[in-house]
């Protein structure tokens, strides 16, 4: 009799959980419009991945264009794979997981059309393109990011330093510094970012906020170099790579004006 009662309780508990999950899925399903459902069905083949985009759309309030962007960028593959040092620099396991899920391994900056020419080889051109298209950049970066400014000034004992881009993430309750690099990741970038984050935590971070996080956004990386560069750093940081207009397949490029066409229009 006692065993039967335990079995009944277990069955009821399992049934309750299944009902809760079913209710959440139903609610998420009806939050989406027909065009969003159609986009997911056409772009994604597995039920698990469709569910990922369904829930993201419903609970992060993606519109159709945002959904299409993330489908094209294959967010379900990129998220959670960031090259980082969060394991030994962030204090709480739950916060580590949130931080890891807040950043992608690769970003698609298809609104940026920069040619590799000598007179445009520095990162300032990339920065200007991002600032001019800051709404699109935030959409590529992810939800809950608020833009604070570019070339954010830090003064350390009368020496000035400037962070390329500074954001605040509401979900993480953290400042996020982004250092822009047009080429391949180099080990010395980690030391510079460590300095930025130390200064942000000392002078800018509010007492109730979590530690500042640094992201080095570059064209390519070697994961082993990243691992060794971050191994003895004390501040949380990661490396994200990006693709721009010229990296897109030809069938995508035909839909967008090229560099020379943009110059003629201007």
Protein backbone atom coordinates (compact mmCIF):
# COMPACT_ATOMS: atom_id res chain seq x y z
CA UNK A 1 0.00 0.00 0.00
CA UNK A 2 2.82 2.36 0.92
CA UNK A 3 4.62 1.59 -2.37
CA UNK A 4 1.43 2.25 -4.33
CA UNK A 5 1.02 5.62 -2.62
CA UNK A 6 4.59 6.54 -3.47
CA UNK A 7 4.01 5.54 -7.07
CA UNK A 8 0.84 7.63 -7.19
CA UNK A 9 2.68 10.68 -5.82
CA UNK A 10 5.50 10.17 -8.32
CA UNK A 11 3.06 9.86 -11.23
CA UNK A 12 1.19 12.98 -10.11
CA UNK A 13 4.45 14.93 -9.78
CA UNK A 14 5.62 13.85 -13.23
CA UNK A 15 2.24 14.68 -14.71
CA UNK A 16 2.36 18.12 -13.08
CA UNK A 17 5.80 18.86 -14.57
CA UNK A 18 4.71 17.72 -18.04
CA UNK A 19 1.61 19.90 -17.81
CA UNK A 20 3.69 22.93 -16.76
CA UNK A 21 6.09 22.44 -19.70
CA UNK A 22 3.14 21.94 -22.05
CA UNK A 23 1.49 25.16 -20.82
CA UNK A 24 4.73 27.13 -21.29
CA UNK A 25 5.17 25.81 -24.83
CA UNK A 26 1.58 26.61 -25.69
CA UNK A 27 1.97 30.14 -24.36
CA UNK A 28 5.19 30.62 -26.33
CA UNK A 29 3.63 29.18 -29.49
CA UNK A 30 0.73 31.64 -29.52
CA UNK A 31 2.98 34.63 -28.87
CA UNK A 32 4.52 34.27 -32.33
CA UNK A 33 3.04 35.48 -35.57
CA UNK A 34 2.49 33.32 -38.66
CA UNK A 35 5.53 34.77 -40.48
CA UNK A 36 7.79 33.93 -37.52
CA UNK A 37 6.53 30.33 -37.38
CA UNK A 38 7.04 30.01 -41.13
CA UNK A 39 10.60 31.38 -40.94
CA UNK A 40 11.51 28.86 -38.21
CA UNK A 41 9.96 25.94 -40.08
CA UNK A 42 11.78 26.83 -43.30
CA UNK A 43 15.19 27.44 -41.71
CA UNK A 44 15.33 24.77 -38.99
CA UNK A 45 14.87 21.02 -39.35
CA UNK A 46 15.00 19.56 -35.82
CA UNK A 47 12.28 19.90 -33.19
CA UNK A 48 14.78 20.80 -30.46
CA UNK A 49 16.26 23.68 -32.45
CA UNK A 50 12.82 24.92 -33.48
CA UNK A 51 11.88 24.98 -29.81
CA UNK A 52 15.01 27.05 -29.06
CA UNK A 53 13.97 29.77 -31.53
CA UNK A 54 10.32 29.56 -30.50
CA UNK A 55 11.18 30.30 -26.88
CA UNK A 56 13.72 32.98 -27.78
CA UNK A 57 11.15 34.78 -29.93
CA UNK A 58 8.43 34.52 -27.30
CA UNK A 59 10.32 35.52 -24.17
CA UNK A 60 12.92 37.91 -25.58
CA UNK A 61 10.34 39.69 -27.79
CA UNK A 62 12.12 39.22 -31.11
CA UNK A 63 10.43 40.75 -34.12
CA UNK A 64 10.53 39.10 -37.54
CA UNK A 65 13.73 40.85 -38.66
CA UNK A 66 15.55 39.94 -35.45
CA UNK A 67 14.50 36.31 -35.84
CA UNK A 68 15.69 36.22 -39.48
CA UNK A 69 19.04 37.69 -38.44
CA UNK A 70 19.58 35.05 -35.75
CA UNK A 71 18.45 32.24 -38.03
CA UNK A 72 20.94 33.36 -40.69
CA UNK A 73 23.67 33.63 -38.05
CA UNK A 74 22.74 30.17 -36.65
CA UNK A 75 22.51 31.46 -33.09
CA UNK A 76 21.77 27.98 -31.71
CA UNK A 77 25.27 26.91 -32.78
CA UNK A 78 27.15 30.04 -31.74
CA UNK A 79 25.72 30.60 -28.28
CA UNK A 80 27.51 29.04 -25.33
CA UNK A 81 30.76 28.35 -27.25
CA UNK A 82 32.64 31.51 -26.37
CA UNK A 83 36.42 31.23 -25.84
CA UNK A 84 36.69 32.56 -22.28
CA UNK A 85 38.27 32.38 -18.82
CA UNK A 86 35.03 32.61 -16.81
CA UNK A 87 35.72 29.39 -14.90
CA UNK A 88 38.41 30.92 -12.70
CA UNK A 89 37.46 34.63 -12.84
CA UNK A 90 33.73 34.69 -12.02
CA UNK A 91 32.63 33.85 -8.48
CA UNK A 92 29.29 32.06 -8.80
CA UNK A 93 28.43 29.10 -11.02
CA UNK A 94 25.00 30.52 -11.94
CA UNK A 95 26.56 33.82 -12.97
CA UNK A 96 29.23 32.01 -15.00
CA UNK A 97 26.52 30.22 -16.97
CA UNK A 98 24.57 33.42 -17.55
CA UNK A 99 27.71 35.18 -18.76
CA UNK A 100 28.59 32.33 -21.10
CA UNK A 101 25.10 32.30 -22.61
CA UNK A 102 25.10 36.09 -23.07
CA UNK A 103 27.84 36.01 -25.73
CA UNK A 104 28.27 34.23 -29.04
CA UNK A 105 31.39 32.64 -30.45
CA UNK A 106 30.93 34.48 -33.75
CA UNK A 107 28.97 37.56 -34.84
CA UNK A 108 27.63 38.32 -38.30
CA UNK A 109 28.16 42.03 -38.99
CA UNK A 110 26.67 41.97 -42.47
CA UNK A 111 25.87 45.68 -42.29
CA UNK A 112 29.60 46.51 -42.36
CA UNK A 113 31.25 46.81 -45.77
CA UNK A 114 34.96 47.47 -45.24
CA UNK A 115 37.59 46.79 -47.88
CA UNK A 116 41.07 45.66 -46.82
CA UNK A 117 42.91 48.70 -48.08
CA UNK A 118 45.95 50.35 -46.54
CA UNK A 119 44.19 53.63 -45.87
CA UNK A 120 41.38 51.87 -44.00
CA UNK A 121 43.30 49.19 -42.16
CA UNK A 122 42.92 50.45 -38.59
CA UNK A 123 40.21 49.53 -36.11
CA UNK A 124 38.81 53.08 -35.96
CA UNK A 125 37.08 52.57 -39.31
CA UNK A 126 35.44 49.41 -37.98
CA UNK A 127 34.42 51.29 -34.84
CA UNK A 128 32.86 54.12 -36.85
CA UNK A 129 30.86 51.65 -38.93
CA UNK A 130 29.56 49.96 -35.78
CA UNK A 131 28.61 53.27 -34.10
CA UNK A 132 26.78 54.41 -37.24
CA UNK A 133 24.84 51.13 -37.17
CA UNK A 134 24.64 50.72 -33.40
CA UNK A 135 21.07 49.39 -33.44
CA UNK A 136 22.06 46.58 -35.82
CA UNK A 137 25.19 45.88 -33.81
CA UNK A 138 23.17 45.48 -30.60
CA UNK A 139 20.82 43.13 -32.44
CA UNK A 140 23.84 41.05 -33.46
CA UNK A 141 25.34 41.26 -29.98
CA UNK A 142 22.23 40.08 -28.16
CA UNK A 143 19.41 41.17 -25.88
CA UNK A 144 19.77 43.26 -22.71
CA UNK A 145 22.80 45.23 -23.94
CA UNK A 146 22.68 49.01 -23.47
CA UNK A 147 25.22 51.17 -25.32
CA UNK A 148 27.16 53.58 -23.08
CA UNK A 149 29.61 55.00 -25.59
CA UNK A 150 32.64 54.59 -27.84
CA UNK A 151 36.21 55.69 -27.02
CA UNK A 152 35.17 55.63 -23.38
CA UNK A 153 37.83 57.52 -21.41
CA UNK A 154 39.59 56.02 -18.40
CA UNK A 155 42.10 58.07 -16.43
CA UNK A 156 44.65 56.10 -14.37
CA UNK A 157 47.13 58.30 -12.47
CA UNK A 158 47.02 61.00 -15.16
CA UNK A 159 47.41 58.48 -18.00
CA UNK A 160 44.48 58.22 -20.40
CA UNK A 161 43.10 55.01 -21.88
CA UNK A 162 40.14 54.63 -24.23
CA UNK A 163 37.81 51.64 -24.52
CA UNK A 164 36.55 51.17 -28.09
CA UNK A 165 32.97 50.31 -27.08
CA UNK A 166 31.37 50.16 -23.63
CA UNK A 167 28.02 48.50 -22.91
CA UNK A 168 25.98 47.53 -19.87
CA UNK A 169 24.14 44.21 -19.78
CA UNK A 170 20.95 44.41 -17.72
CA UNK A 171 20.58 40.67 -17.20
CA UNK A 172 24.18 40.24 -16.08
CA UNK A 173 24.27 43.58 -14.25
CA UNK A 174 27.77 44.03 -15.63
CA UNK A 175 29.71 46.55 -17.65
CA UNK A 176 30.94 45.01 -20.92
CA UNK A 177 34.04 46.46 -22.58
CA UNK A 178 34.66 45.59 -26.24
CA UNK A 179 38.07 45.97 -27.86
CA UNK A 180 37.96 45.93 -31.68
CA UNK A 181 40.63 44.24 -33.77
CA UNK A 182 40.55 43.87 -37.57
CA UNK A 183 43.05 41.03 -37.66
CA UNK A 184 43.86 37.85 -35.76
CA UNK A 185 43.83 37.62 -31.96
CA UNK A 186 47.22 38.31 -30.34
CA UNK A 187 48.32 37.37 -26.83
CA UNK A 188 49.07 40.98 -25.83
CA UNK A 189 45.41 41.93 -26.24
CA UNK A 190 44.60 40.06 -23.01
CA UNK A 191 46.89 42.25 -20.89
CA UNK A 192 45.37 45.43 -22.26
CA UNK A 193 41.83 44.18 -21.60
CA UNK A 194 42.82 43.10 -18.07
CA UNK A 195 43.90 46.71 -17.43
CA UNK A 196 40.61 48.11 -18.77
CA UNK A 197 38.54 45.80 -16.59
CA UNK A 198 40.55 46.55 -13.45
CA UNK A 199 40.02 50.28 -14.01
CA UNK A 200 36.30 49.83 -14.72
CA UNK A 201 35.83 47.81 -11.52
CA UNK A 202 37.81 50.33 -9.50
CA UNK A 203 36.42 53.61 -10.84
CA UNK A 204 33.18 53.01 -12.78
CA UNK A 205 31.36 49.88 -11.51
CA UNK A 206 28.60 50.50 -8.97
CA UNK A 207 28.70 48.58 -5.64
CA UNK A 208 25.62 46.47 -6.51
CA UNK A 209 26.93 45.47 -9.97
CA UNK A 210 28.77 42.31 -10.93
CA UNK A 211 32.39 42.30 -12.18
CA UNK A 212 33.01 43.95 -15.53
CA UNK A 213 33.47 41.62 -18.52
CA UNK A 214 35.74 42.15 -21.51
CA UNK A 215 35.19 40.98 -25.08
CA UNK A 216 37.93 41.12 -27.71
CA UNK A 217 36.17 41.23 -31.08
CA UNK A 218 38.54 40.18 -33.85
CA UNK A 219 38.59 38.64 -37.33
CA UNK A 220 40.02 35.26 -36.35
CA UNK A 221 41.57 33.41 -33.43
CA UNK A 222 43.63 30.38 -32.45
CA UNK A 223 41.84 28.75 -29.51
CA UNK A 224 45.07 27.48 -27.92
CA UNK A 225 46.64 30.95 -28.03
CA UNK A 226 43.48 32.35 -26.45
CA UNK A 227 43.58 29.69 -23.73
CA UNK A 228 47.23 30.38 -22.82
CA UNK A 229 46.72 34.17 -22.98
CA UNK A 230 43.79 34.03 -20.55
CA UNK A 231 45.15 31.36 -18.20
CA UNK A 232 46.77 33.70 -15.64
CA UNK A 233 44.54 36.75 -16.08
CA UNK A 234 42.37 37.83 -13.15
CA UNK A 235 39.48 39.46 -15.01
CA UNK A 236 36.65 37.75 -16.96
CA UNK A 237 37.05 38.06 -20.70
CA UNK A 238 36.33 36.27 -23.95
CA UNK A 239 37.17 36.35 -27.64
CA UNK A 240 34.47 36.68 -30.30
CA UNK A 241 35.16 36.55 -34.04
CA UNK A 242 33.11 38.35 -36.68
CA UNK A 243 32.23 38.23 -40.35
CA UNK A 244 31.50 41.32 -42.44
CA UNK A 245 29.83 41.99 -45.78
CA UNK A 246 32.81 40.84 -47.87
CA UNK A 247 32.85 37.47 -46.04
CA UNK A 248 29.29 36.64 -47.10
CA UNK A 249 28.55 34.08 -49.84
CA UNK A 250 27.98 35.58 -53.29
CA UNK A 251 24.22 34.93 -53.21
CA UNK A 252 23.96 37.15 -50.11
CA UNK A 253 26.24 39.85 -51.50
CA UNK A 254 23.97 40.31 -54.52
CA UNK A 255 21.22 41.49 -52.19
CA UNK A 256 23.39 44.31 -50.78
CA UNK A 257 25.20 47.28 -52.42
CA UNK A 258 28.98 46.84 -52.69
CA UNK A 259 31.64 49.29 -51.48
CA UNK A 260 31.94 51.20 -54.77
CA UNK A 261 28.15 51.51 -55.10
CA UNK A 262 27.92 52.97 -51.60
CA UNK A 263 30.66 55.52 -52.43
CA UNK A 264 28.72 56.58 -55.56
CA UNK A 265 25.52 56.97 -53.54
CA UNK A 266 27.32 59.15 -50.99
